[in-house]
Amino acid sequence: PQYDLETARALGVKTVHLNRYGYKWEPSINSLEELPAIVRS
């Protein structure tokens, strides 16, 4: 979130957190294989 997601969201970019280190953000996934479902939604 601190390097990427906060700034990206503020600019209107859709964001997804990939949970590698336990940070909190929504939406969040635990594996990149879950990302296609997010895109479809």
PDB file of all heavy atoms in Angstrom:
ATOM      1  N   PRO A   1       0.820  -1.215   0.000  1.00  0.00           N
ATOM      2  CA  PRO A   1       0.000   0.000   0.000  1.00  0.00           C
ATOM      3  C   PRO A   1       0.855   1.265   0.000  1.00  0.00           C
ATOM      4  O   PRO A   1       0.549   2.236  -0.705  1.00  0.00           O
ATOM      5  CB  PRO A   1      -0.806  -0.126   1.306  1.00  0.00           C
ATOM      6  CG  PRO A   1      -0.888  -1.594   1.567  1.00  0.00           C
ATOM      7  CD  PRO A   1       0.436  -2.133   1.090  1.00  0.00           C
ATOM      8  N   GLN A   2       1.950   1.266   0.772  1.00  0.00           N
ATOM      9  CA  GLN A   2       2.732   2.480   0.973  1.00  0.00           C
ATOM     10  C   GLN A   2       3.567   2.866  -0.255  1.00  0.00           C
ATOM     11  O   GLN A   2       3.824   4.047  -0.474  1.00  0.00           O
ATOM     12  CB  GLN A   2       3.632   2.354   2.215  1.00  0.00           C
ATOM     13  CG  GLN A   2       4.746   1.316   2.118  1.00  0.00           C
ATOM     14  CD  GLN A   2       4.335  -0.083   2.520  1.00  0.00           C
ATOM     15  OE1 GLN A   2       3.253  -0.527   2.194  1.00  0.00           O
ATOM     16  NE2 GLN A   2       5.213  -0.780   3.240  1.00  0.00           N
ATOM     17  N   TYR A   3       3.992   1.906  -1.047  1.00  0.00           N
ATOM     18  CA  TYR A   3       4.740   2.220  -2.262  1.00  0.00           C
ATOM     19  C   TYR A   3       3.804   2.527  -3.437  1.00  0.00           C
ATOM     20  O   TYR A   3       4.123   3.352  -4.303  1.00  0.00           O
ATOM     21  CB  TYR A   3       5.605   1.036  -2.701  1.00  0.00           C
ATOM     22  CG  TYR A   3       6.914   0.834  -1.998  1.00  0.00           C
ATOM     23  CD1 TYR A   3       7.067  -0.192  -1.063  1.00  0.00           C
ATOM     24  CD2 TYR A   3       8.023   1.612  -2.287  1.00  0.00           C
ATOM     25  CE1 TYR A   3       8.277  -0.427  -0.431  1.00  0.00           C
ATOM     26  CE2 TYR A   3       9.243   1.390  -1.669  1.00  0.00           C
ATOM     27  CZ  TYR A   3       9.369   0.371  -0.739  1.00  0.00           C
ATOM     28  OH  TYR A   3      10.567   0.145  -0.121  1.00  0.00           O
ATOM     29  N   ASP A   4       2.680   1.822  -3.503  1.00  0.00           N
ATOM     30  CA  ASP A   4       1.883   1.782  -4.725  1.00  0.00           C
ATOM     31  C   ASP A   4       0.412   2.116  -4.569  1.00  0.00           C
ATOM     32  O   ASP A   4      -0.101   3.007  -5.246  1.00  0.00           O
ATOM     33  CB  ASP A   4       1.964   0.361  -5.328  1.00  0.00           C
ATOM     34  CG  ASP A   4       3.286   0.032  -5.948  1.00  0.00           C
ATOM     35  OD1 ASP A   4       4.236  -0.259  -5.206  1.00  0.00           O
ATOM     36  OD2 ASP A   4       3.372   0.045  -7.184  1.00  0.00           O
ATOM     37  N   LEU A   5      -0.287   1.320  -3.765  1.00  0.00           N
ATOM     38  CA  LEU A   5      -1.742   1.297  -3.819  1.00  0.00           C
ATOM     39  C   LEU A   5      -2.395   2.601  -3.382  1.00  0.00           C
ATOM     40  O   LEU A   5      -3.405   3.015  -3.954  1.00  0.00           O
ATOM     41  CB  LEU A   5      -2.272   0.126  -2.983  1.00  0.00           C
ATOM     42  CG  LEU A   5      -1.763  -1.261  -3.410  1.00  0.00           C
ATOM     43  CD1 LEU A   5      -2.321  -2.332  -2.481  1.00  0.00           C
ATOM     44  CD2 LEU A   5      -2.123  -1.558  -4.866  1.00  0.00           C
ATOM     45  N   GLU A   6      -1.840   3.253  -2.367  1.00  0.00           N
ATOM     46  CA  GLU A   6      -2.433   4.502  -1.880  1.00  0.00           C
ATOM     47  C   GLU A   6      -2.420   5.575  -2.966  1.00  0.00           C
ATOM     48  O   GLU A   6      -3.430   6.234  -3.228  1.00  0.00           O
ATOM     49  CB  GLU A   6      -1.688   4.972  -0.629  1.00  0.00           C
ATOM     50  CG  GLU A   6      -1.871   4.047   0.566  1.00  0.00           C
ATOM     51  CD  GLU A   6      -0.939   4.366   1.719  1.00  0.00           C
ATOM     52  OE1 GLU A   6      -0.120   5.297   1.575  1.00  0.00           O
ATOM     53  OE2 GLU A   6      -1.024   3.690   2.757  1.00  0.00           O
ATOM     54  N   THR A   7      -1.261   5.733  -3.617  1.00  0.00           N
ATOM     55  CA  THR A   7      -1.154   6.747  -4.680  1.00  0.00           C
ATOM     56  C   THR A   7      -1.990   6.369  -5.887  1.00  0.00           C
ATOM     57  O   THR A   7      -2.687   7.207  -6.459  1.00  0.00           O
ATOM     58  CB  THR A   7       0.312   6.933  -5.101  1.00  0.00           C
ATOM     59  OG1 THR A   7       1.101   7.257  -3.966  1.00  0.00           O
ATOM     60  CG2 THR A   7       0.437   8.038  -6.130  1.00  0.00           C
ATOM     61  N   ALA A   8      -1.925   5.100  -6.290  1.00  0.00           N
ATOM     62  CA  ALA A   8      -2.670   4.666  -7.471  1.00  0.00           C
ATOM     63  C   ALA A   8      -4.168   4.894  -7.288  1.00  0.00           C
ATOM     64  O   ALA A   8      -4.838   5.425  -8.188  1.00  0.00           O
ATOM     65  CB  ALA A   8      -2.387   3.195  -7.752  1.00  0.00           C
ATOM     66  N   ARG A   9      -4.701   4.520  -6.137  1.00  0.00           N
ATOM     67  CA  ARG A   9      -6.136   4.701  -5.900  1.00  0.00           C
ATOM     68  C   ARG A   9      -6.516   6.180  -5.917  1.00  0.00           C
ATOM     69  O   ARG A   9      -7.569   6.552  -6.447  1.00  0.00           O
ATOM     70  CB  ARG A   9      -6.540   4.053  -4.580  1.00  0.00           C
ATOM     71  CG  ARG A   9      -8.009   4.255  -4.226  1.00  0.00           C
ATOM     72  CD  ARG A   9      -8.403   3.474  -2.989  1.00  0.00           C
ATOM     73  NE  ARG A   9      -8.561   2.053  -3.270  1.00  0.00           N
ATOM     74  CZ  ARG A   9      -8.881   1.141  -2.350  1.00  0.00           C
ATOM     75  NH1 ARG A   9      -9.039   1.506  -1.075  1.00  0.00           N
ATOM     76  NH2 ARG A   9      -9.024  -0.125  -2.679  1.00  0.00           N
ATOM     77  N   ALA A  10      -5.654   7.022  -5.351  1.00  0.00           N
ATOM     78  CA  ALA A  10      -5.923   8.461  -5.326  1.00  0.00           C
ATOM     79  C   ALA A  10      -6.007   9.044  -6.734  1.00  0.00           C
ATOM     80  O   ALA A  10      -6.674  10.063  -6.952  1.00  0.00           O
ATOM     81  CB  ALA A  10      -4.851   9.175  -4.517  1.00  0.00           C
ATOM     82  N   LEU A  11      -5.355   8.390  -7.688  1.00  0.00           N
ATOM     83  CA  LEU A  11      -5.367   8.852  -9.082  1.00  0.00           C
ATOM     84  C   LEU A  11      -6.515   8.253  -9.881  1.00  0.00           C
ATOM     85  O   LEU A  11      -6.644   8.535 -11.080  1.00  0.00           O
ATOM     86  CB  LEU A  11      -4.036   8.506  -9.749  1.00  0.00           C
ATOM     87  CG  LEU A  11      -2.814   9.270  -9.247  1.00  0.00           C
ATOM     88  CD1 LEU A  11      -1.543   8.682  -9.823  1.00  0.00           C
ATOM     89  CD2 LEU A  11      -2.923  10.747  -9.600  1.00  0.00           C
ATOM     90  N   GLY A  12      -7.324   7.417  -9.237  1.00  0.00           N
ATOM     91  CA  GLY A  12      -8.450   6.806  -9.928  1.00  0.00           C
ATOM     92  C   GLY A  12      -8.165   5.447 -10.527  1.00  0.00           C
ATOM     93  O   GLY A  12      -8.997   4.896 -11.255  1.00  0.00           O
ATOM     94  N   VAL A  13      -7.002   4.889 -10.235  1.00  0.00           N
ATOM     95  CA  VAL A  13      -6.644   3.564 -10.719  1.00  0.00           C
ATOM     96  C   VAL A  13      -7.333   2.511  -9.846  1.00  0.00           C
ATOM     97  O   VAL A  13      -7.386   2.640  -8.622  1.00  0.00           O
ATOM     98  CB  VAL A  13      -5.116   3.354 -10.668  1.00  0.00           C
ATOM     99  CG1 VAL A  13      -4.735   1.967 -11.176  1.00  0.00           C
ATOM    100  CG2 VAL A  13      -4.404   4.441 -11.466  1.00  0.00           C
ATOM    101  N   LYS A  14      -7.865   1.469 -10.465  1.00  0.00           N
ATOM    102  CA  LYS A  14      -8.383   0.339  -9.701  1.00  0.00           C
ATOM    103  C   LYS A  14      -7.191  -0.386  -9.075  1.00  0.00           C
ATOM    104  O   LYS A  14      -6.150  -0.540  -9.723  1.00  0.00           O
ATOM    105  CB  LYS A  14      -9.175  -0.599 -10.601  1.00  0.00           C
ATOM    106  CG  LYS A  14     -10.360   0.064 -11.289  1.00  0.00           C
ATOM    107  CD  LYS A  14     -10.976  -0.858 -12.322  1.00  0.00           C
ATOM    108  CE  LYS A  14     -12.065  -0.155 -13.116  1.00  0.00           C
ATOM    109  NZ  LYS A  14     -11.502   0.909 -14.006  1.00  0.00           N
ATOM    110  N   THR A  15      -7.323  -0.827  -7.842  1.00  0.00           N
ATOM    111  CA  THR A  15      -6.187  -1.437  -7.157  1.00  0.00           C
ATOM    112  C   THR A  15      -6.548  -2.785  -6.559  1.00  0.00           C
ATOM    113  O   THR A  15      -7.688  -3.007  -6.131  1.00  0.00           O
ATOM    114  CB  THR A  15      -5.666  -0.532  -6.026  1.00  0.00           C
ATOM    115  OG1 THR A  15      -6.723  -0.304  -5.080  1.00  0.00           O
ATOM    116  CG2 THR A  15      -5.165   0.798  -6.556  1.00  0.00           C
ATOM    117  N   VAL A  16      -5.553  -3.672  -6.529  1.00  0.00           N
ATOM    118  CA  VAL A  16      -5.682  -4.968  -5.871  1.00  0.00           C
ATOM    119  C   VAL A  16      -4.412  -5.214  -5.068  1.00  0.00           C
ATOM    120  O   VAL A  16      -3.298  -5.046  -5.578  1.00  0.00           O
ATOM    121  CB  VAL A  16      -5.884  -6.120  -6.877  1.00  0.00           C
ATOM    122  CG1 VAL A  16      -5.870  -7.473  -6.163  1.00  0.00           C
ATOM    123  CG2 VAL A  16      -7.202  -5.950  -7.637  1.00  0.00           C
ATOM    124  N   HIS A  17      -4.600  -5.599  -3.826  1.00  0.00           N
ATOM    125  CA  HIS A  17      -3.480  -5.933  -2.955  1.00  0.00           C
ATOM    126  C   HIS A  17      -3.176  -7.420  -3.055  1.00  0.00           C
ATOM    127  O   HIS A  17      -4.070  -8.254  -2.888  1.00  0.00           O
ATOM    128  CB  HIS A  17      -3.848  -5.571  -1.504  1.00  0.00           C
ATOM    129  CG  HIS A  17      -2.847  -6.027  -0.494  1.00  0.00           C
ATOM    130  ND1 HIS A  17      -3.174  -6.831   0.581  1.00  0.00           N
ATOM    131  CD2 HIS A  17      -1.513  -5.804  -0.389  1.00  0.00           C
ATOM    132  CE1 HIS A  17      -2.109  -7.060   1.311  1.00  0.00           C
ATOM    133  NE2 HIS A  17      -1.087  -6.455   0.729  1.00  0.00           N
ATOM    134  N   LEU A  18      -1.929  -7.743  -3.346  1.00  0.00           N
ATOM    135  CA  LEU A  18      -1.461  -9.127  -3.319  1.00  0.00           C
ATOM    136  C   LEU A  18      -0.788  -9.342  -1.972  1.00  0.00           C
ATOM    137  O   LEU A  18       0.261  -8.760  -1.694  1.00  0.00           O
ATOM    138  CB  LEU A  18      -0.490  -9.386  -4.467  1.00  0.00           C
ATOM    139  CG  LEU A  18       0.126 -10.788  -4.548  1.00  0.00           C
ATOM    140  CD1 LEU A  18      -0.943 -11.863  -4.598  1.00  0.00           C
ATOM    141  CD2 LEU A  18       1.043 -10.892  -5.759  1.00  0.00           C
ATOM    142  N   ASN A  19      -1.379 -10.156  -1.136  1.00  0.00           N
ATOM    143  CA  ASN A  19      -0.939 -10.274   0.255  1.00  0.00           C
ATOM    144  C   ASN A  19       0.310 -11.145   0.390  1.00  0.00           C
ATOM    145  O   ASN A  19       0.223 -12.353   0.570  1.00  0.00           O
ATOM    146  CB  ASN A  19      -2.075 -10.830   1.113  1.00  0.00           C
ATOM    147  CG  ASN A  19      -1.738 -10.819   2.592  1.00  0.00           C
ATOM    148  OD1 ASN A  19      -0.753 -10.214   3.014  1.00  0.00           O
ATOM    149  ND2 ASN A  19      -2.546 -11.490   3.388  1.00  0.00           N
ATOM    150  N   ARG A  20       1.452 -10.498   0.316  1.00  0.00           N
ATOM    151  CA  ARG A  20       2.727 -11.186   0.545  1.00  0.00           C
ATOM    152  C   ARG A  20       3.236 -10.959   1.979  1.00  0.00           C
ATOM    153  O   ARG A  20       3.912 -11.820   2.536  1.00  0.00           O
ATOM    154  CB  ARG A  20       3.807 -10.655  -0.408  1.00  0.00           C
ATOM    155  CG  ARG A  20       3.503 -10.749  -1.886  1.00  0.00           C
ATOM    156  CD  ARG A  20       3.681 -12.131  -2.435  1.00  0.00           C
ATOM    157  NE  ARG A  20       3.696 -12.125  -3.899  1.00  0.00           N
ATOM    158  CZ  ARG A  20       3.323 -13.160  -4.639  1.00  0.00           C
ATOM    159  NH1 ARG A  20       2.899 -14.282  -4.068  1.00  0.00           N
ATOM    160  NH2 ARG A  20       3.365 -13.083  -5.962  1.00  0.00           N
ATOM    161  N   TYR A  21       2.899  -9.808   2.573  1.00  0.00           N
ATOM    162  CA  TYR A  21       3.537  -9.410   3.835  1.00  0.00           C
ATOM    163  C   TYR A  21       2.563  -9.013   4.934  1.00  0.00           C
ATOM    164  O   TYR A  21       2.980  -8.475   5.956  1.00  0.00           O
ATOM    165  CB  TYR A  21       4.510  -8.248   3.568  1.00  0.00           C
ATOM    166  CG  TYR A  21       5.510  -8.562   2.479  1.00  0.00           C
ATOM    167  CD1 TYR A  21       5.466  -7.887   1.257  1.00  0.00           C
ATOM    168  CD2 TYR A  21       6.468  -9.552   2.650  1.00  0.00           C
ATOM    169  CE1 TYR A  21       6.366  -8.183   0.242  1.00  0.00           C
ATOM    170  CE2 TYR A  21       7.374  -9.857   1.637  1.00  0.00           C
ATOM    171  CZ  TYR A  21       7.315  -9.171   0.439  1.00  0.00           C
ATOM    172  OH  TYR A  21       8.198  -9.471  -0.558  1.00  0.00           O
ATOM    173  N   GLY A  22       1.268  -9.256   4.733  1.00  0.00           N
ATOM    174  CA  GLY A  22       0.314  -9.023   5.806  1.00  0.00           C
ATOM    175  C   GLY A  22      -0.252  -7.626   5.914  1.00  0.00           C
ATOM    176  O   GLY A  22      -0.919  -7.314   6.908  1.00  0.00           O
ATOM    177  N   TYR A  23      -0.021  -6.768   4.909  1.00  0.00           N
ATOM    178  CA  TYR A  23      -0.615  -5.438   4.940  1.00  0.00           C
ATOM    179  C   TYR A  23      -2.122  -5.536   4.711  1.00  0.00           C
ATOM    180  O   TYR A  23      -2.623  -6.511   4.151  1.00  0.00           O
ATOM    181  CB  TYR A  23       0.009  -4.536   3.868  1.00  0.00           C
ATOM    182  CG  TYR A  23       1.471  -4.259   4.069  1.00  0.00           C
ATOM    183  CD1 TYR A  23       2.422  -4.698   3.146  1.00  0.00           C
ATOM    184  CD2 TYR A  23       1.919  -3.549   5.173  1.00  0.00           C
ATOM    185  CE1 TYR A  23       3.774  -4.438   3.323  1.00  0.00           C
ATOM    186  CE2 TYR A  23       3.267  -3.277   5.357  1.00  0.00           C
ATOM    187  CZ  TYR A  23       4.189  -3.739   4.438  1.00  0.00           C
ATOM    188  OH  TYR A  23       5.518  -3.481   4.619  1.00  0.00           O
ATOM    189  N   LYS A  24      -2.851  -4.520   5.137  1.00  0.00           N
ATOM    190  CA  LYS A  24      -4.293  -4.500   5.007  1.00  0.00           C
ATOM    191  C   LYS A  24      -4.722  -3.598   3.849  1.00  0.00           C
ATOM    192  O   LYS A  24      -4.318  -2.439   3.775  1.00  0.00           O
ATOM    193  CB  LYS A  24      -4.942  -4.002   6.314  1.00  0.00           C
ATOM    194  CG  LYS A  24      -4.605  -4.858   7.528  1.00  0.00           C
ATOM    195  CD  LYS A  24      -5.079  -6.293   7.358  1.00  0.00           C
ATOM    196  CE  LYS A  24      -4.754  -7.130   8.592  1.00  0.00           C
ATOM    197  NZ  LYS A  24      -5.151  -8.545   8.400  1.00  0.00           N
ATOM    198  N   TRP A  25      -5.545  -4.122   2.958  1.00  0.00           N
ATOM    199  CA  TRP A  25      -6.078  -3.374   1.826  1.00  0.00           C
ATOM    200  C   TRP A  25      -7.228  -4.176   1.230  1.00  0.00           C
ATOM    201  O   TRP A  25      -7.215  -5.405   1.296  1.00  0.00           O
ATOM    202  CB  TRP A  25      -4.991  -3.172   0.771  1.00  0.00           C
ATOM    203  CG  TRP A  25      -5.339  -2.189  -0.308  1.00  0.00           C
ATOM    204  CD1 TRP A  25      -5.902  -2.459  -1.533  1.00  0.00           C
ATOM    205  CD2 TRP A  25      -5.166  -0.772  -0.259  1.00  0.00           C
ATOM    206  NE1 TRP A  25      -6.059  -1.310  -2.245  1.00  0.00           N
ATOM    207  CE2 TRP A  25      -5.628  -0.249  -1.483  1.00  0.00           C
ATOM    208  CE3 TRP A  25      -4.669   0.107   0.699  1.00  0.00           C
ATOM    209  CZ2 TRP A  25      -5.605   1.102  -1.778  1.00  0.00           C
ATOM    210  CZ3 TRP A  25      -4.639   1.452   0.419  1.00  0.00           C
ATOM    211  CH2 TRP A  25      -5.098   1.945  -0.815  1.00  0.00           C
ATOM    212  N   GLU A  26      -8.180  -3.501   0.675  1.00  0.00           N
ATOM    213  CA  GLU A  26      -9.282  -4.178  -0.003  1.00  0.00           C
ATOM    214  C   GLU A  26      -9.463  -3.616  -1.405  1.00  0.00           C
ATOM    215  O   GLU A  26      -9.410  -2.399  -1.570  1.00  0.00           O
ATOM    216  CB  GLU A  26     -10.585  -4.022   0.790  1.00  0.00           C
ATOM    217  CG  GLU A  26     -10.600  -4.754   2.121  1.00  0.00           C
ATOM    218  CD  GLU A  26     -10.527  -6.251   1.980  1.00  0.00           C
ATOM    219  OE1 GLU A  26     -10.936  -6.771   0.897  1.00  0.00           O
ATOM    220  OE2 GLU A  26     -10.060  -6.927   2.919  1.00  0.00           O
ATOM    221  N   PRO A  27      -9.657  -4.495  -2.388  1.00  0.00           N
ATOM    222  CA  PRO A  27      -9.660  -5.949  -2.283  1.00  0.00           C
ATOM    223  C   PRO A  27      -8.247  -6.511  -2.159  1.00  0.00           C
ATOM    224  O   PRO A  27      -7.276  -5.879  -2.571  1.00  0.00           O
ATOM    225  CB  PRO A  27     -10.307  -6.394  -3.592  1.00  0.00           C
ATOM    226  CG  PRO A  27      -9.942  -5.315  -4.565  1.00  0.00           C
ATOM    227  CD  PRO A  27      -9.943  -4.034  -3.772  1.00  0.00           C
ATOM    228  N   SER A  28      -8.172  -7.727  -1.613  1.00  0.00           N
ATOM    229  CA  SER A  28      -6.885  -8.376  -1.395  1.00  0.00           C
ATOM    230  C   SER A  28      -6.971  -9.835  -1.834  1.00  0.00           C
ATOM    231  O   SER A  28      -8.012 -10.483  -1.657  1.00  0.00           O
ATOM    232  CB  SER A  28      -6.502  -8.297   0.090  1.00  0.00           C
ATOM    233  OG  SER A  28      -5.227  -8.858   0.326  1.00  0.00           O
ATOM    234  N   ILE A  29      -5.889 -10.314  -2.416  1.00  0.00           N
ATOM    235  CA  ILE A  29      -5.806 -11.716  -2.825  1.00  0.00           C
ATOM    236  C   ILE A  29      -4.540 -12.322  -2.247  1.00  0.00           C
ATOM    237  O   ILE A  29      -3.603 -11.613  -1.882  1.00  0.00           O
ATOM    238  CB  ILE A  29      -5.807 -11.867  -4.365  1.00  0.00           C
ATOM    239  CG1 ILE A  29      -4.658 -11.065  -4.995  1.00  0.00           C
ATOM    240  CG2 ILE A  29      -7.153 -11.446  -4.943  1.00  0.00           C
ATOM    241  CD1 ILE A  29      -4.547 -11.222  -6.511  1.00  0.00           C
ATOM    242  N   ASN A  30      -4.512 -13.642  -2.148  1.00  0.00           N
ATOM    243  CA  ASN A  30      -3.354 -14.338  -1.585  1.00  0.00           C
ATOM    244  C   ASN A  30      -2.482 -15.000  -2.643  1.00  0.00           C
ATOM    245  O   ASN A  30      -1.403 -15.497  -2.333  1.00  0.00           O
ATOM    246  CB  ASN A  30      -3.819 -15.398  -0.574  1.00  0.00           C
ATOM    247  CG  ASN A  30      -4.451 -14.781   0.648  1.00  0.00           C
ATOM    248  OD1 ASN A  30      -3.908 -13.852   1.229  1.00  0.00           O
ATOM    249  ND2 ASN A  30      -5.620 -15.283   1.029  1.00  0.00           N
ATOM    250  N   SER A  31      -2.966 -15.021  -3.875  1.00  0.00           N
ATOM    251  CA  SER A  31      -2.215 -15.613  -4.979  1.00  0.00           C
ATOM    252  C   SER A  31      -2.589 -14.900  -6.265  1.00  0.00           C
ATOM    253  O   SER A  31      -3.750 -14.481  -6.448  1.00  0.00           O
ATOM    254  CB  SER A  31      -2.543 -17.101  -5.114  1.00  0.00           C
ATOM    255  OG  SER A  31      -2.095 -17.607  -6.364  1.00  0.00           O
ATOM    256  N   LEU A  32      -1.632 -14.764  -7.167  1.00  0.00           N
ATOM    257  CA  LEU A  32      -1.922 -14.134  -8.454  1.00  0.00           C
ATOM    258  C   LEU A  32      -2.928 -14.930  -9.273  1.00  0.00           C
ATOM    259  O   LEU A  32      -3.577 -14.388 -10.170  1.00  0.00           O
ATOM    260  CB  LEU A  32      -0.634 -13.957  -9.261  1.00  0.00           C
ATOM    261  CG  LEU A  32       0.147 -12.666  -9.050  1.00  0.00           C
ATOM    262  CD1 LEU A  32       1.319 -12.594 -10.000  1.00  0.00           C
ATOM    263  CD2 LEU A  32      -0.739 -11.445  -9.214  1.00  0.00           C
ATOM    264  N   GLU A  33      -3.060 -16.208  -8.971  1.00  0.00           N
ATOM    265  CA  GLU A  33      -4.035 -17.018  -9.693  1.00  0.00           C
ATOM    266  C   GLU A  33      -5.470 -16.607  -9.362  1.00  0.00           C
ATOM    267  O   GLU A  33      -6.401 -17.000 -10.068  1.00  0.00           O
ATOM    268  CB  GLU A  33      -3.814 -18.493  -9.399  1.00  0.00           C
ATOM    269  CG  GLU A  33      -2.544 -19.041 -10.033  1.00  0.00           C
ATOM    270  CD  GLU A  33      -2.471 -20.549  -9.981  1.00  0.00           C
ATOM    271  OE1 GLU A  33      -2.038 -21.078  -8.929  1.00  0.00           O
ATOM    272  OE2 GLU A  33      -2.866 -21.198 -10.974  1.00  0.00           O
ATOM    273  N   GLU A  34      -5.652 -15.825  -8.301  1.00  0.00           N
ATOM    274  CA  GLU A  34      -6.976 -15.312  -7.954  1.00  0.00           C
ATOM    275  C   GLU A  34      -7.321 -14.035  -8.722  1.00  0.00           C
ATOM    276  O   GLU A  34      -8.478 -13.602  -8.716  1.00  0.00           O
ATOM    277  CB  GLU A  34      -7.043 -15.019  -6.450  1.00  0.00           C
ATOM    278  CG  GLU A  34      -6.813 -16.218  -5.547  1.00  0.00           C
ATOM    279  CD  GLU A  34      -6.695 -15.815  -4.090  1.00  0.00           C
ATOM    280  OE1 GLU A  34      -7.386 -14.866  -3.672  1.00  0.00           O
ATOM    281  OE2 GLU A  34      -5.895 -16.433  -3.372  1.00  0.00           O
ATOM    282  N   LEU A  35      -6.341 -13.435  -9.382  1.00  0.00           N
ATOM    283  CA  LEU A  35      -6.563 -12.138 -10.029  1.00  0.00           C
ATOM    284  C   LEU A  35      -7.538 -12.187 -11.201  1.00  0.00           C
ATOM    285  O   LEU A  35      -8.351 -11.260 -11.355  1.00  0.00           O
ATOM    286  CB  LEU A  35      -5.224 -11.537 -10.467  1.00  0.00           C
ATOM    287  CG  LEU A  35      -5.278 -10.098 -10.977  1.00  0.00           C
ATOM    288  CD1 LEU A  35      -5.844  -9.154  -9.913  1.00  0.00           C
ATOM    289  CD2 LEU A  35      -3.873  -9.637 -11.393  1.00  0.00           C
ATOM    290  N   PRO A  36      -7.514 -13.207 -12.064  1.00  0.00           N
ATOM    291  CA  PRO A  36      -8.479 -13.220 -13.168  1.00  0.00           C
ATOM    292  C   PRO A  36      -9.928 -13.086 -12.708  1.00  0.00           C
ATOM    293  O   PRO A  36     -10.733 -12.417 -13.367  1.00  0.00           O
ATOM    294  CB  PRO A  36      -8.222 -14.571 -13.839  1.00  0.00           C
ATOM    295  CG  PRO A  36      -6.772 -14.823 -13.598  1.00  0.00           C
ATOM    296  CD  PRO A  36      -6.541 -14.306 -12.192  1.00  0.00           C
ATOM    297  N   ALA A  37     -10.286 -13.682 -11.574  1.00  0.00           N
ATOM    298  CA  ALA A  37     -11.651 -13.571 -11.069  1.00  0.00           C
ATOM    299  C   ALA A  37     -11.979 -12.134 -10.677  1.00  0.00           C
ATOM    300  O   ALA A  37     -13.110 -11.666 -10.893  1.00  0.00           O
ATOM    301  CB  ALA A  37     -11.844 -14.501  -9.870  1.00  0.00           C
ATOM    302  N   ILE A  38     -10.977 -11.426 -10.121  1.00  0.00           N
ATOM    303  CA  ILE A  38     -11.172 -10.015  -9.777  1.00  0.00           C
ATOM    304  C   ILE A  38     -11.413  -9.200 -11.045  1.00  0.00           C
ATOM    305  O   ILE A  38     -12.309  -8.345 -11.102  1.00  0.00           O
ATOM    306  CB  ILE A  38      -9.948  -9.453  -9.020  1.00  0.00           C
ATOM    307  CG1 ILE A  38      -9.746 -10.191  -7.688  1.00  0.00           C
ATOM    308  CG2 ILE A  38     -10.077  -7.953  -8.821  1.00  0.00           C
ATOM    309  CD1 ILE A  38     -10.711  -9.813  -6.616  1.00  0.00           C
ATOM    310  N   VAL A  39     -10.625  -9.461 -12.066  1.00  0.00           N
ATOM    311  CA  VAL A  39     -10.782  -8.738 -13.324  1.00  0.00           C
ATOM    312  C   VAL A  39     -12.152  -8.996 -13.918  1.00  0.00           C
ATOM    313  O   VAL A  39     -12.835  -8.074 -14.385  1.00  0.00           O
ATOM    314  CB  VAL A  39      -9.678  -9.138 -14.329  1.00  0.00           C
ATOM    315  CG1 VAL A  39      -9.911  -8.475 -15.693  1.00  0.00           C
ATOM    316  CG2 VAL A  39      -8.298  -8.748 -13.792  1.00  0.00           C
ATOM    317  N   ARG A  40     -12.597 -10.233 -13.900  1.00  0.00           N
ATOM    318  CA  ARG A  40     -13.913 -10.568 -14.446  1.00  0.00           C
ATOM    319  C   ARG A  40     -15.025  -9.866 -13.678  1.00  0.00           C
ATOM    320  O   ARG A  40     -16.024  -9.427 -14.274  1.00  0.00           O
ATOM    321  CB  ARG A  40     -14.131 -12.083 -14.416  1.00  0.00           C
ATOM    322  CG  ARG A  40     -13.247 -12.869 -15.374  1.00  0.00           C
ATOM    323  CD  ARG A  40     -13.644 -14.328 -15.447  1.00  0.00           C
ATOM    324  NE  ARG A  40     -12.643 -15.110 -16.158  1.00  0.00           N
ATOM    325  CZ  ARG A  40     -11.705 -15.851 -15.555  1.00  0.00           C
ATOM    326  NH1 ARG A  40     -11.668 -15.910 -14.227  1.00  0.00           N
ATOM    327  NH2 ARG A  40     -10.824 -16.521 -16.261  1.00  0.00           N
ATOM    328  N   SER A  41     -14.862  -9.747 -12.364  1.00  0.00           N
ATOM    329  CA  SER A  41     -15.890  -9.088 -11.551  1.00  0.00           C
ATOM    330  C   SER A  41     -15.983  -7.586 -11.883  1.00  0.00           C
ATOM    331  O   SER A  41     -17.046  -6.984 -11.770  1.00  0.00           O
ATOM    332  CB  SER A  41     -15.610  -9.277 -10.059  1.00  0.00           C
ATOM    333  OG  SER A  41     -14.490  -8.507  -9.638  1.00  0.00           O
TER     334      SER A  41
END
